[in-house]
Amino acid sequence: MWPPAMWSTVLVMAVVAAVDPLRIGVVAFMLSRSRPVRLLLPFFLFAFTANVAVGAAVVFAGIVVVLRSGRRP
């Protein structure tokens, strides 16, 4: 049958879809338009930029906490 790793991926994607159905609806709407790349590219770029910014903020906040605690990383 199917590999077990595939089912775990499908399960994770289903949980994400259940938590955030609006994003799936927005992407499905964009894909139904006549020129979806023109709509999806800014959506992707904004999402990528926002994720990188949040990730960098978490990393830098962790560095600040470690430096203030006096321990060396």
N, C-alpha and C. Protein backbone atom coordinates (compact mmCIF):
# COMPACT_ATOMS: atom_id res chain seq x y z
N MET A 1 0.84 -1.19 0.00
CA MET A 1 0.00 0.00 0.00
C MET A 1 0.87 1.24 0.00
N TRP A 2 0.36 2.35 0.50
CA TRP A 2 1.10 3.61 0.50
C TRP A 2 2.14 3.63 1.61
N PRO A 3 3.24 4.36 1.39
CA PRO A 3 4.26 4.46 2.45
C PRO A 3 3.72 5.23 3.66
N PRO A 4 4.10 4.83 4.87
CA PRO A 4 3.61 5.50 6.07
C PRO A 4 3.98 6.97 6.14
N ALA A 5 5.13 7.36 5.59
CA ALA A 5 5.55 8.76 5.62
C ALA A 5 4.56 9.64 4.86
N MET A 6 3.97 9.09 3.80
CA MET A 6 3.01 9.86 3.04
C MET A 6 1.77 10.17 3.88
N TRP A 7 1.32 9.20 4.66
CA TRP A 7 0.12 9.42 5.46
C TRP A 7 0.35 10.45 6.55
N SER A 8 1.55 10.50 7.11
CA SER A 8 1.82 11.53 8.11
C SER A 8 1.82 12.91 7.47
N THR A 9 2.33 13.02 6.24
CA THR A 9 2.29 14.30 5.53
C THR A 9 0.86 14.72 5.24
N VAL A 10 0.06 13.76 4.79
CA VAL A 10 -1.35 14.06 4.50
C VAL A 10 -2.07 14.49 5.77
N LEU A 11 -1.80 13.84 6.89
CA LEU A 11 -2.43 14.19 8.15
C LEU A 11 -2.04 15.59 8.60
N VAL A 12 -0.78 15.93 8.49
CA VAL A 12 -0.32 17.28 8.86
C VAL A 12 -0.99 18.32 7.97
N MET A 13 -1.06 18.06 6.68
CA MET A 13 -1.70 19.01 5.77
C MET A 13 -3.18 19.15 6.09
N ALA A 14 -3.85 18.08 6.47
CA ALA A 14 -5.26 18.14 6.83
C ALA A 14 -5.48 18.97 8.09
N VAL A 15 -4.59 18.82 9.06
CA VAL A 15 -4.71 19.61 10.29
C VAL A 15 -4.51 21.09 9.98
N VAL A 16 -3.53 21.41 9.17
CA VAL A 16 -3.30 22.81 8.79
C VAL A 16 -4.51 23.35 8.04
N ALA A 17 -5.07 22.57 7.15
CA ALA A 17 -6.23 23.01 6.39
C ALA A 17 -7.44 23.21 7.30
N ALA A 18 -7.56 22.38 8.31
CA ALA A 18 -8.69 22.52 9.23
C ALA A 18 -8.54 23.75 10.08
N VAL A 19 -7.29 24.10 10.40
CA VAL A 19 -7.04 25.27 11.24
C VAL A 19 -7.15 26.55 10.42
N ASP A 20 -6.75 26.53 9.15
CA ASP A 20 -6.73 27.74 8.34
C ASP A 20 -7.41 27.53 6.99
N PRO A 21 -8.73 27.36 6.98
CA PRO A 21 -9.42 27.12 5.71
C PRO A 21 -9.48 28.37 4.83
N LEU A 22 -9.34 29.55 5.41
CA LEU A 22 -9.39 30.77 4.62
C LEU A 22 -8.25 30.82 3.61
N ARG A 23 -7.06 30.41 4.02
CA ARG A 23 -5.91 30.44 3.11
C ARG A 23 -6.15 29.50 1.93
N ILE A 24 -6.71 28.34 2.17
CA ILE A 24 -6.99 27.41 1.08
C ILE A 24 -8.05 28.01 0.15
N GLY A 25 -9.04 28.66 0.72
CA GLY A 25 -10.06 29.30 -0.10
C GLY A 25 -9.50 30.43 -0.95
N VAL A 26 -8.61 31.23 -0.37
CA VAL A 26 -8.00 32.33 -1.12
C VAL A 26 -7.16 31.81 -2.27
N VAL A 27 -6.35 30.79 -2.00
CA VAL A 27 -5.51 30.21 -3.06
C VAL A 27 -6.39 29.56 -4.13
N ALA A 28 -7.43 28.86 -3.73
CA ALA A 28 -8.33 28.25 -4.73
C ALA A 28 -9.00 29.34 -5.58
N PHE A 29 -9.38 30.45 -4.97
CA PHE A 29 -9.97 31.55 -5.72
C PHE A 29 -8.96 32.13 -6.71
N MET A 30 -7.72 32.33 -6.25
CA MET A 30 -6.70 32.88 -7.14
C MET A 30 -6.41 31.94 -8.30
N LEU A 31 -6.39 30.64 -8.04
CA LEU A 31 -6.13 29.67 -9.10
C LEU A 31 -7.26 29.61 -10.13
N SER A 32 -8.45 30.03 -9.74
CA SER A 32 -9.57 29.98 -10.67
C SER A 32 -9.61 31.19 -11.60
N ARG A 33 -8.80 32.18 -11.35
CA ARG A 33 -8.77 33.38 -12.19
C ARG A 33 -8.02 33.09 -13.49
N SER A 34 -8.12 34.01 -14.44
CA SER A 34 -7.50 33.77 -15.75
C SER A 34 -5.97 33.86 -15.71
N ARG A 35 -5.41 34.71 -14.84
CA ARG A 35 -3.95 34.84 -14.72
C ARG A 35 -3.55 34.67 -13.25
N PRO A 36 -3.48 33.43 -12.78
CA PRO A 36 -3.24 33.21 -11.35
C PRO A 36 -1.83 33.58 -10.88
N VAL A 37 -0.84 33.52 -11.77
CA VAL A 37 0.53 33.83 -11.34
C VAL A 37 0.63 35.28 -10.89
N ARG A 38 -0.08 36.16 -11.58
CA ARG A 38 -0.06 37.58 -11.23
C ARG A 38 -0.62 37.81 -9.83
N LEU A 39 -1.53 36.97 -9.38
CA LEU A 39 -2.10 37.09 -8.04
C LEU A 39 -1.31 36.29 -7.01
N LEU A 40 -0.82 35.11 -7.39
CA LEU A 40 -0.14 34.25 -6.44
C LEU A 40 1.28 34.71 -6.11
N LEU A 41 1.94 35.37 -7.03
CA LEU A 41 3.31 35.80 -6.78
C LEU A 41 3.40 36.80 -5.62
N PRO A 42 2.60 37.88 -5.60
CA PRO A 42 2.65 38.77 -4.44
C PRO A 42 2.21 38.08 -3.15
N PHE A 43 1.25 37.18 -3.24
CA PHE A 43 0.81 36.43 -2.07
C PHE A 43 1.96 35.60 -1.50
N PHE A 44 2.69 34.91 -2.38
CA PHE A 44 3.83 34.11 -1.96
C PHE A 44 4.94 34.98 -1.39
N LEU A 45 5.25 36.08 -2.07
CA LEU A 45 6.34 36.95 -1.61
C LEU A 45 6.04 37.56 -0.25
N PHE A 46 4.81 38.00 -0.03
CA PHE A 46 4.44 38.55 1.27
C PHE A 46 4.51 37.48 2.35
N ALA A 47 3.99 36.29 2.07
CA ALA A 47 4.02 35.20 3.05
C ALA A 47 5.45 34.81 3.38
N PHE A 48 6.31 34.73 2.37
CA PHE A 48 7.71 34.37 2.59
C PHE A 48 8.40 35.44 3.44
N THR A 49 8.18 36.71 3.10
CA THR A 49 8.80 37.80 3.86
C THR A 49 8.32 37.83 5.30
N ALA A 50 7.04 37.63 5.50
CA ALA A 50 6.49 37.63 6.86
C ALA A 50 7.05 36.47 7.67
N ASN A 51 7.18 35.30 7.07
CA ASN A 51 7.72 34.14 7.78
C ASN A 51 9.19 34.32 8.13
N VAL A 52 9.96 34.89 7.22
CA VAL A 52 11.37 35.14 7.50
C VAL A 52 11.50 36.17 8.62
N ALA A 53 10.68 37.22 8.59
CA ALA A 53 10.74 38.24 9.63
C ALA A 53 10.38 37.68 11.00
N VAL A 54 9.35 36.87 11.07
CA VAL A 54 8.96 36.27 12.36
C VAL A 54 10.04 35.30 12.83
N GLY A 55 10.59 34.51 11.94
CA GLY A 55 11.65 33.59 12.31
C GLY A 55 12.88 34.32 12.81
N ALA A 56 13.27 35.40 12.14
CA ALA A 56 14.43 36.18 12.58
C ALA A 56 14.16 36.82 13.94
N ALA A 57 12.95 37.30 14.15
CA ALA A 57 12.61 37.91 15.44
C ALA A 57 12.70 36.89 16.56
N VAL A 58 12.25 35.68 16.33
CA VAL A 58 12.33 34.63 17.35
C VAL A 58 13.79 34.29 17.65
N VAL A 59 14.60 34.16 16.60
CA VAL A 59 16.02 33.84 16.81
C VAL A 59 16.72 34.96 17.58
N PHE A 60 16.51 36.20 17.18
CA PHE A 60 17.16 37.31 17.86
C PHE A 60 16.66 37.48 19.29
N ALA A 61 15.39 37.22 19.52
CA ALA A 61 14.87 37.28 20.89
C ALA A 61 15.52 36.19 21.74
N GLY A 62 15.72 35.03 21.18
CA GLY A 62 16.41 33.97 21.91
C GLY A 62 17.84 34.33 22.22
N ILE A 63 18.52 34.97 21.30
CA ILE A 63 19.90 35.41 21.53
C ILE A 63 19.94 36.43 22.66
N VAL A 64 19.01 37.38 22.65
CA VAL A 64 18.97 38.40 23.69
C VAL A 64 18.72 37.76 25.06
N VAL A 65 17.83 36.80 25.12
CA VAL A 65 17.54 36.13 26.40
C VAL A 65 18.78 35.39 26.90
N VAL A 66 19.46 34.71 26.00
CA VAL A 66 20.66 33.97 26.41
C VAL A 66 21.75 34.93 26.87
N LEU A 67 21.94 36.03 26.15
CA LEU A 67 22.99 36.99 26.53
C LEU A 67 22.67 37.67 27.85
N ARG A 68 21.42 37.95 28.11
CA ARG A 68 21.05 38.59 29.39
C ARG A 68 21.14 37.64 30.56
N SER A 69 21.03 36.35 30.30
CA SER A 69 21.12 35.40 31.39
C SER A 69 22.56 35.17 31.83
N GLY A 70 23.51 35.61 31.04
CA GLY A 70 24.91 35.47 31.39
C GLY A 70 25.53 34.17 30.97
N ARG A 71 24.76 33.26 30.40
CA ARG A 71 25.31 31.99 29.94
C ARG A 71 25.83 32.16 28.52
N ARG A 72 26.77 31.36 28.16
CA ARG A 72 27.28 31.40 26.81
C ARG A 72 26.54 30.37 25.97
N PRO A 73 26.21 30.72 24.75
CA PRO A 73 25.49 29.76 23.89
C PRO A 73 26.32 28.57 23.49
